[in-house]
Every structure is written in structure tokens, then in C-alpha cells.
Amino acid sequence: ADEHLDLDDGRWEDIHVVTGALKLFFRELPEPLVPFGHFDKFIAAIKMQDPTRRSRCIRDLVFSLPPAHHDTMKVLFRHLSRVIEYKEENRMSVQSIAIVFGPTLLRPASEEGNMAMHMVFQNQVVEHILNQYGYIF
């Protein structure tokens, strides 16, 4: 909204508060960053055995997202890539980021089916996009 936040305020010093707010923002969106209509397509793409075909398909899917989703994803994943650069200090590897953000950014419209299996693929999609950021964007 029009709220102005002073990030120099002491209550924002704890990085977990900022990270929690970011995750909460994406979790509470009416539709996730990867729209519901794209969920099955991304899951099918990550299951592809041929790595070249998988990468091309995921890149094409990212580019097929609505502009606001695509542009937000580009900025978010650029930021998450920078977080990963400091994994020795913050213990946030590609896998850790994928576990934290996978179910938030990419989820089915209904929670029917095997949630545990979905989570594995959700995490793999986020991990793949992080690992292939330069190719995808």
C-alpha cells in the first residue's frame, strides 16, 4: 500500500523478520508468483529427463508468465541468487532457498493429491530457476 517503512528502524535489524515478511507477502497473494494455471506445466517440465529440453521448457514457461509475474520473478530470483553467493556466512544454499520458497512461489490451486510429492517438485523448480538464472533471464 502507501505505507512508508524506515528500514533503518531497529525492529528491522533481525534479518528473519524481513525474510518472514517477504515469504508472508508471497504466501498471501491471491494467486502465487507462478499462477495456478502454470503449476502443472512447471511440474511436467521439471520431470523431463533430458536436461537440455527441461531447461528450455522451464525458460519458455517463465517467459509465458504474465508480465507482472515474470518481472517480479526476475527481481526476486536475482535477489535470492545474491543471498546464495553468501551461503558460507548465511547457510542459505540453493537447496535451502528452494525448500523455503518452493511451496510459497509455486503451489496447486487445490491441495488435493500428494502434497509431499508436489513439494519435492516445487523445490526442484525453484532450484532449477536459481541454478539457471542467467540462461532463463
N, C-alpha and C. Protein backbone atom coordinates (compact mmCIF):
# COMPACT_ATOMS: atom_id res chain seq x y z
N ALA A 1 0.86 -1.18 0.00
CA ALA A 1 0.00 0.00 0.00
C ALA A 1 0.90 1.23 0.00
N ASP A 2 0.40 2.31 0.54
CA ASP A 2 1.15 3.56 0.57
C ASP A 2 1.97 3.70 1.85
N GLU A 3 2.15 2.63 2.56
CA GLU A 3 2.88 2.69 3.83
C GLU A 3 4.37 2.89 3.55
N HIS A 4 4.98 3.80 4.29
CA HIS A 4 6.41 4.04 4.17
C HIS A 4 7.12 3.35 5.33
N LEU A 5 8.07 2.50 5.00
CA LEU A 5 8.81 1.80 6.04
C LEU A 5 10.23 2.34 6.11
N ASP A 6 10.67 2.60 7.30
CA ASP A 6 12.04 3.02 7.52
C ASP A 6 12.84 1.77 7.89
N LEU A 7 13.58 1.26 6.92
CA LEU A 7 14.33 0.02 7.16
C LEU A 7 15.51 0.23 8.11
N ASP A 8 15.80 1.49 8.45
CA ASP A 8 16.84 1.76 9.45
C ASP A 8 16.30 1.66 10.87
N ASP A 9 14.98 1.54 10.99
CA ASP A 9 14.34 1.37 12.29
C ASP A 9 14.85 0.06 12.91
N GLY A 10 15.13 0.07 14.19
CA GLY A 10 15.72 -1.07 14.88
C GLY A 10 14.94 -2.36 14.78
N ARG A 11 13.63 -2.28 14.58
CA ARG A 11 12.84 -3.52 14.53
C ARG A 11 13.12 -4.32 13.26
N TRP A 12 13.79 -3.73 12.28
CA TRP A 12 14.10 -4.44 11.03
C TRP A 12 15.52 -5.01 11.02
N GLU A 13 16.23 -4.89 12.15
CA GLU A 13 17.61 -5.38 12.20
C GLU A 13 17.69 -6.89 12.08
N ASP A 14 16.71 -7.59 12.60
CA ASP A 14 16.71 -9.05 12.53
C ASP A 14 16.31 -9.47 11.12
N ILE A 15 17.24 -10.06 10.40
CA ILE A 15 17.01 -10.46 9.00
C ILE A 15 15.85 -11.44 8.89
N HIS A 16 15.60 -12.21 9.94
CA HIS A 16 14.50 -13.17 9.91
C HIS A 16 13.14 -12.47 9.83
N VAL A 17 13.04 -11.28 10.39
CA VAL A 17 11.80 -10.51 10.32
C VAL A 17 11.55 -10.09 8.87
N VAL A 18 12.60 -9.59 8.21
CA VAL A 18 12.47 -9.15 6.82
C VAL A 18 12.17 -10.34 5.91
N THR A 19 12.90 -11.43 6.11
CA THR A 19 12.68 -12.64 5.30
C THR A 19 11.27 -13.18 5.52
N GLY A 20 10.84 -13.21 6.77
CA GLY A 20 9.49 -13.68 7.08
C GLY A 20 8.43 -12.82 6.41
N ALA A 21 8.67 -11.51 6.40
CA ALA A 21 7.71 -10.60 5.75
C ALA A 21 7.67 -10.86 4.24
N LEU A 22 8.82 -11.10 3.64
CA LEU A 22 8.87 -11.40 2.21
C LEU A 22 8.12 -12.69 1.89
N LYS A 23 8.38 -13.73 2.65
CA LYS A 23 7.68 -15.00 2.44
C LYS A 23 6.17 -14.84 2.66
N LEU A 24 5.81 -14.11 3.70
CA LEU A 24 4.39 -13.89 4.00
C LEU A 24 3.72 -13.13 2.86
N PHE A 25 4.39 -12.14 2.31
CA PHE A 25 3.83 -11.39 1.19
C PHE A 25 3.49 -12.34 0.04
N PHE A 26 4.44 -13.19 -0.35
CA PHE A 26 4.21 -14.10 -1.47
C PHE A 26 3.18 -15.18 -1.12
N ARG A 27 3.18 -15.65 0.12
CA ARG A 27 2.23 -16.68 0.53
C ARG A 27 0.80 -16.17 0.54
N GLU A 28 0.60 -14.89 0.85
CA GLU A 28 -0.75 -14.34 0.97
C GLU A 28 -1.29 -13.76 -0.33
N LEU A 29 -0.51 -13.82 -1.41
CA LEU A 29 -1.04 -13.36 -2.69
C LEU A 29 -2.24 -14.24 -3.07
N PRO A 30 -3.28 -13.66 -3.65
CA PRO A 30 -4.44 -14.48 -4.06
C PRO A 30 -4.04 -15.58 -5.05
N GLU A 31 -3.07 -15.27 -5.88
CA GLU A 31 -2.53 -16.27 -6.80
C GLU A 31 -1.01 -16.22 -6.64
N PRO A 32 -0.35 -17.39 -6.60
CA PRO A 32 1.10 -17.38 -6.37
C PRO A 32 1.87 -16.73 -7.52
N LEU A 33 3.15 -16.52 -7.29
CA LEU A 33 4.00 -15.94 -8.32
C LEU A 33 3.94 -16.76 -9.60
N VAL A 34 3.95 -18.08 -9.47
CA VAL A 34 3.68 -18.96 -10.62
C VAL A 34 2.18 -19.21 -10.58
N PRO A 35 1.43 -18.62 -11.51
CA PRO A 35 -0.03 -18.74 -11.47
C PRO A 35 -0.50 -20.20 -11.44
N PHE A 36 -1.66 -20.41 -10.84
CA PHE A 36 -2.22 -21.75 -10.73
C PHE A 36 -2.25 -22.47 -12.07
N GLY A 37 -2.60 -21.77 -13.13
CA GLY A 37 -2.70 -22.37 -14.46
C GLY A 37 -1.37 -22.86 -15.02
N HIS A 38 -0.28 -22.43 -14.42
CA HIS A 38 1.05 -22.85 -14.88
C HIS A 38 1.65 -23.97 -14.01
N PHE A 39 1.01 -24.25 -12.88
CA PHE A 39 1.59 -25.20 -11.93
C PHE A 39 1.91 -26.55 -12.58
N ASP A 40 0.91 -27.16 -13.20
CA ASP A 40 1.12 -28.49 -13.79
C ASP A 40 2.16 -28.47 -14.90
N LYS A 41 2.23 -27.36 -15.63
CA LYS A 41 3.22 -27.25 -16.72
C LYS A 41 4.64 -27.22 -16.16
N PHE A 42 4.84 -26.47 -15.08
CA PHE A 42 6.17 -26.43 -14.46
C PHE A 42 6.54 -27.78 -13.86
N ILE A 43 5.58 -28.46 -13.26
CA ILE A 43 5.86 -29.78 -12.67
C ILE A 43 6.21 -30.77 -13.78
N ALA A 44 5.47 -30.74 -14.88
CA ALA A 44 5.77 -31.62 -16.01
C ALA A 44 7.16 -31.32 -16.57
N ALA A 45 7.50 -30.05 -16.64
CA ALA A 45 8.80 -29.65 -17.19
C ALA A 45 9.95 -30.15 -16.31
N ILE A 46 9.82 -30.02 -15.00
CA ILE A 46 10.91 -30.41 -14.11
C ILE A 46 11.10 -31.93 -14.11
N LYS A 47 10.08 -32.66 -14.49
CA LYS A 47 10.16 -34.13 -14.54
C LYS A 47 10.85 -34.63 -15.81
N MET A 48 11.07 -33.74 -16.79
CA MET A 48 11.70 -34.16 -18.05
C MET A 48 13.09 -34.71 -17.79
N GLN A 49 13.40 -35.83 -18.42
CA GLN A 49 14.68 -36.49 -18.21
C GLN A 49 15.83 -35.79 -18.92
N ASP A 50 15.57 -35.27 -20.12
CA ASP A 50 16.62 -34.61 -20.90
C ASP A 50 16.88 -33.21 -20.33
N PRO A 51 18.09 -32.96 -19.79
CA PRO A 51 18.37 -31.68 -19.14
C PRO A 51 18.24 -30.47 -20.08
N THR A 52 18.63 -30.62 -21.32
CA THR A 52 18.53 -29.51 -22.27
C THR A 52 17.07 -29.16 -22.53
N ARG A 53 16.29 -30.18 -22.75
CA ARG A 53 14.85 -29.98 -23.00
C ARG A 53 14.16 -29.40 -21.77
N ARG A 54 14.53 -29.90 -20.59
CA ARG A 54 13.97 -29.40 -19.33
C ARG A 54 14.28 -27.91 -19.16
N SER A 55 15.52 -27.53 -19.37
CA SER A 55 15.91 -26.12 -19.22
C SER A 55 15.19 -25.22 -20.20
N ARG A 56 15.09 -25.66 -21.44
CA ARG A 56 14.42 -24.86 -22.47
C ARG A 56 12.94 -24.71 -22.13
N CYS A 57 12.32 -25.79 -21.69
CA CYS A 57 10.89 -25.76 -21.36
C CYS A 57 10.62 -24.83 -20.18
N ILE A 58 11.44 -24.90 -19.15
CA ILE A 58 11.24 -24.03 -17.99
C ILE A 58 11.48 -22.58 -18.38
N ARG A 59 12.51 -22.32 -19.19
CA ARG A 59 12.74 -20.95 -19.66
C ARG A 59 11.52 -20.43 -20.43
N ASP A 60 10.99 -21.26 -21.32
CA ASP A 60 9.81 -20.86 -22.11
C ASP A 60 8.60 -20.62 -21.21
N LEU A 61 8.44 -21.46 -20.18
CA LEU A 61 7.33 -21.27 -19.24
C LEU A 61 7.47 -19.97 -18.46
N VAL A 62 8.68 -19.66 -18.04
CA VAL A 62 8.91 -18.40 -17.31
C VAL A 62 8.55 -17.22 -18.21
N PHE A 63 8.94 -17.30 -19.48
CA PHE A 63 8.62 -16.21 -20.40
C PHE A 63 7.14 -16.15 -20.76
N SER A 64 6.41 -17.24 -20.53
CA SER A 64 4.98 -17.24 -20.82
C SER A 64 4.15 -16.67 -19.67
N LEU A 65 4.79 -16.39 -18.55
CA LEU A 65 4.07 -15.84 -17.40
C LEU A 65 3.58 -14.43 -17.72
N PRO A 66 2.50 -14.01 -17.08
CA PRO A 66 2.06 -12.61 -17.24
C PRO A 66 3.22 -11.67 -16.87
N PRO A 67 3.31 -10.52 -17.53
CA PRO A 67 4.45 -9.62 -17.30
C PRO A 67 4.75 -9.31 -15.83
N ALA A 68 3.73 -9.04 -15.04
CA ALA A 68 3.97 -8.72 -13.62
C ALA A 68 4.60 -9.90 -12.90
N HIS A 69 4.16 -11.11 -13.21
CA HIS A 69 4.71 -12.32 -12.57
C HIS A 69 6.15 -12.53 -13.03
N HIS A 70 6.37 -12.42 -14.34
CA HIS A 70 7.71 -12.61 -14.90
C HIS A 70 8.69 -11.60 -14.31
N ASP A 71 8.31 -10.33 -14.31
CA ASP A 71 9.22 -9.28 -13.85
C ASP A 71 9.51 -9.42 -12.36
N THR A 72 8.50 -9.76 -11.59
CA THR A 72 8.70 -9.97 -10.15
C THR A 72 9.60 -11.17 -9.91
N MET A 73 9.39 -12.23 -10.68
CA MET A 73 10.23 -13.42 -10.54
C MET A 73 11.69 -13.08 -10.86
N LYS A 74 11.90 -12.31 -11.89
CA LYS A 74 13.27 -11.94 -12.27
C LYS A 74 13.98 -11.20 -11.14
N VAL A 75 13.30 -10.22 -10.56
CA VAL A 75 13.89 -9.45 -9.47
C VAL A 75 14.09 -10.32 -8.22
N LEU A 76 13.08 -11.10 -7.87
CA LEU A 76 13.18 -11.95 -6.68
C LEU A 76 14.31 -12.96 -6.82
N PHE A 77 14.38 -13.63 -7.96
CA PHE A 77 15.41 -14.65 -8.14
C PHE A 77 16.80 -14.04 -8.25
N ARG A 78 16.90 -12.82 -8.75
CA ARG A 78 18.20 -12.13 -8.76
C ARG A 78 18.63 -11.89 -7.31
N HIS A 79 17.68 -11.44 -6.49
CA HIS A 79 17.99 -11.22 -5.07
C HIS A 79 18.37 -12.53 -4.38
N LEU A 80 17.58 -13.59 -4.61
CA LEU A 80 17.88 -14.87 -3.98
C LEU A 80 19.24 -15.41 -4.44
N SER A 81 19.61 -15.15 -5.68
CA SER A 81 20.93 -15.56 -6.17
C SER A 81 22.03 -14.84 -5.40
N ARG A 82 21.80 -13.57 -5.08
CA ARG A 82 22.78 -12.83 -4.29
C ARG A 82 22.86 -13.39 -2.87
N VAL A 83 21.74 -13.79 -2.32
CA VAL A 83 21.74 -14.41 -0.99
C VAL A 83 22.60 -15.67 -1.03
N ILE A 84 22.46 -16.46 -2.07
CA ILE A 84 23.20 -17.72 -2.21
C ILE A 84 24.70 -17.47 -2.33
N GLU A 85 25.09 -16.34 -2.90
CA GLU A 85 26.52 -16.01 -3.02
C GLU A 85 27.19 -15.97 -1.65
N TYR A 86 26.42 -15.72 -0.61
CA TYR A 86 26.94 -15.63 0.76
C TYR A 86 26.59 -16.86 1.59
N LYS A 87 26.43 -17.99 0.92
CA LYS A 87 25.97 -19.20 1.62
C LYS A 87 26.91 -19.65 2.73
N GLU A 88 28.18 -19.33 2.63
CA GLU A 88 29.12 -19.71 3.70
C GLU A 88 28.80 -18.96 5.00
N GLU A 89 28.35 -17.73 4.87
CA GLU A 89 28.03 -16.93 6.06
C GLU A 89 26.59 -17.14 6.53
N ASN A 90 25.65 -17.27 5.59
CA ASN A 90 24.23 -17.32 5.97
C ASN A 90 23.63 -18.72 5.93
N ARG A 91 24.40 -19.71 5.48
CA ARG A 91 23.97 -21.11 5.39
C ARG A 91 22.72 -21.28 4.51
N MET A 92 22.55 -20.40 3.54
CA MET A 92 21.41 -20.49 2.61
C MET A 92 21.94 -20.90 1.24
N SER A 93 21.97 -22.20 1.01
CA SER A 93 22.39 -22.75 -0.27
C SER A 93 21.21 -22.71 -1.23
N VAL A 94 21.46 -23.10 -2.46
CA VAL A 94 20.38 -23.18 -3.45
C VAL A 94 19.27 -24.10 -2.92
N GLN A 95 19.67 -25.23 -2.36
CA GLN A 95 18.69 -26.19 -1.85
C GLN A 95 17.88 -25.59 -0.69
N SER A 96 18.55 -24.86 0.19
CA SER A 96 17.86 -24.25 1.33
C SER A 96 16.84 -23.22 0.87
N ILE A 97 17.24 -22.38 -0.07
CA ILE A 97 16.33 -21.37 -0.61
C ILE A 97 15.14 -22.06 -1.28
N ALA A 98 15.41 -23.12 -2.03
CA ALA A 98 14.33 -23.84 -2.73
C ALA A 98 13.34 -24.43 -1.73
N ILE A 99 13.83 -24.97 -0.64
CA ILE A 99 12.96 -25.55 0.38
C ILE A 99 12.09 -24.47 1.02
N VAL A 100 12.68 -23.31 1.27
CA VAL A 100 11.96 -22.22 1.92
C VAL A 100 10.93 -21.59 0.98
N PHE A 101 11.32 -21.36 -0.28
CA PHE A 101 10.46 -20.61 -1.18
C PHE A 101 9.64 -21.47 -2.15
N GLY A 102 10.02 -22.71 -2.38
CA GLY A 102 9.31 -23.54 -3.35
C GLY A 102 7.80 -23.59 -3.15
N PRO A 103 7.34 -24.02 -1.98
CA PRO A 103 5.89 -24.13 -1.76
C PRO A 103 5.16 -22.78 -1.72
N THR A 104 5.90 -21.70 -1.50
CA THR A 104 5.30 -20.38 -1.44
C THR A 104 5.09 -19.79 -2.83
N LEU A 105 6.06 -20.02 -3.72
CA LEU A 105 6.02 -19.39 -5.04
C LEU A 105 5.27 -20.22 -6.07
N LEU A 106 5.14 -21.50 -5.79
CA LEU A 106 4.59 -22.44 -6.78
C LEU A 106 3.73 -23.43 -6.04
N ARG A 107 2.40 -23.28 -6.17
CA ARG A 107 1.52 -24.22 -5.46
C ARG A 107 0.28 -24.48 -6.31
N PRO A 108 -0.31 -25.67 -6.13
CA PRO A 108 -1.51 -26.01 -6.91
C PRO A 108 -2.72 -25.22 -6.40
N ALA A 109 -3.73 -25.12 -7.25
CA ALA A 109 -4.95 -24.39 -6.89
C ALA A 109 -5.66 -25.06 -5.71
N SER A 110 -5.61 -26.39 -5.66
CA SER A 110 -6.21 -27.11 -4.53
C SER A 110 -5.16 -28.05 -3.96
N GLU A 111 -5.27 -28.33 -2.70
CA GLU A 111 -4.28 -29.17 -2.02
C GLU A 111 -4.61 -30.66 -2.14
N GLU A 112 -5.29 -31.02 -3.20
CA GLU A 112 -5.60 -32.44 -3.41
C GLU A 112 -4.34 -33.13 -3.93
N GLY A 113 -4.31 -34.43 -3.78
CA GLY A 113 -3.17 -35.19 -4.29
C GLY A 113 -2.08 -35.29 -3.27
N ASN A 114 -0.93 -35.69 -3.74
CA ASN A 114 0.20 -35.97 -2.86
C ASN A 114 0.99 -34.69 -2.59
N MET A 115 0.73 -34.06 -1.47
CA MET A 115 1.40 -32.80 -1.14
C MET A 115 2.90 -32.98 -0.99
N ALA A 116 3.33 -34.11 -0.42
CA ALA A 116 4.76 -34.34 -0.23
C ALA A 116 5.46 -34.45 -1.58
N MET A 117 4.83 -35.13 -2.53
CA MET A 117 5.42 -35.27 -3.86
C MET A 117 5.43 -33.92 -4.57
N HIS A 118 4.35 -33.16 -4.43
CA HIS A 118 4.32 -31.82 -5.02
C HIS A 118 5.47 -30.98 -4.48
N MET A 119 5.70 -31.05 -3.17
CA MET A 119 6.72 -30.23 -2.55
C MET A 119 8.10 -30.52 -3.12
N VAL A 120 8.38 -31.79 -3.37
CA VAL A 120 9.67 -32.16 -3.97
C VAL A 120 9.83 -31.46 -5.31
N PHE A 121 8.80 -31.51 -6.14
CA PHE A 121 8.89 -30.90 -7.46
C PHE A 121 8.87 -29.37 -7.39
N GLN A 122 8.11 -28.82 -6.46
CA GLN A 122 8.09 -27.36 -6.29
C GLN A 122 9.50 -26.87 -5.96
N ASN A 123 10.16 -27.56 -5.05
CA ASN A 123 11.51 -27.19 -4.66
C ASN A 123 12.47 -27.34 -5.83
N GLN A 124 12.30 -28.40 -6.61
CA GLN A 124 13.18 -28.63 -7.75
C GLN A 124 13.02 -27.54 -8.80
N VAL A 125 11.81 -27.06 -9.01
CA VAL A 125 11.59 -25.98 -9.98
C VAL A 125 12.32 -24.72 -9.52
N VAL A 126 12.15 -24.34 -8.26
CA VAL A 126 12.82 -23.15 -7.73
C VAL A 126 14.34 -23.32 -7.81
N GLU A 127 14.83 -24.48 -7.45
CA GLU A 127 16.26 -24.75 -7.51
C GLU A 127 16.77 -24.63 -8.95
N HIS A 128 16.01 -25.18 -9.88
CA HIS A 128 16.41 -25.12 -11.29
C HIS A 128 16.48 -23.67 -11.78
N ILE A 129 15.47 -22.88 -11.46
CA ILE A 129 15.45 -21.49 -11.90
C ILE A 129 16.63 -20.73 -11.29
N LEU A 130 16.94 -20.99 -10.04
CA LEU A 130 18.10 -20.35 -9.41
C LEU A 130 19.40 -20.77 -10.09
N ASN A 131 19.54 -22.06 -10.33
CA ASN A 131 20.77 -22.56 -10.97
C ASN A 131 20.92 -22.09 -12.41
N GLN A 132 19.82 -21.85 -13.08
CA GLN A 132 19.84 -21.46 -14.50
C GLN A 132 19.43 -20.00 -14.68
N TYR A 133 19.57 -19.18 -13.66
CA TYR A 133 19.10 -17.80 -13.71
C TYR A 133 19.60 -17.06 -14.96
N GLY A 134 20.89 -17.15 -15.24
CA GLY A 134 21.46 -16.45 -16.38
C GLY A 134 20.87 -16.89 -17.71
N TYR A 135 20.60 -18.17 -17.84
CA TYR A 135 20.01 -18.71 -19.07
C TYR A 135 18.53 -18.33 -19.19
N ILE A 136 17.83 -18.37 -18.08
CA ILE A 136 16.38 -18.13 -18.10
C ILE A 136 16.07 -16.65 -18.29
N PHE A 137 16.80 -15.79 -17.63
CA PHE A 137 16.50 -14.36 -17.69
C PHE A 137 17.52 -13.61 -18.53
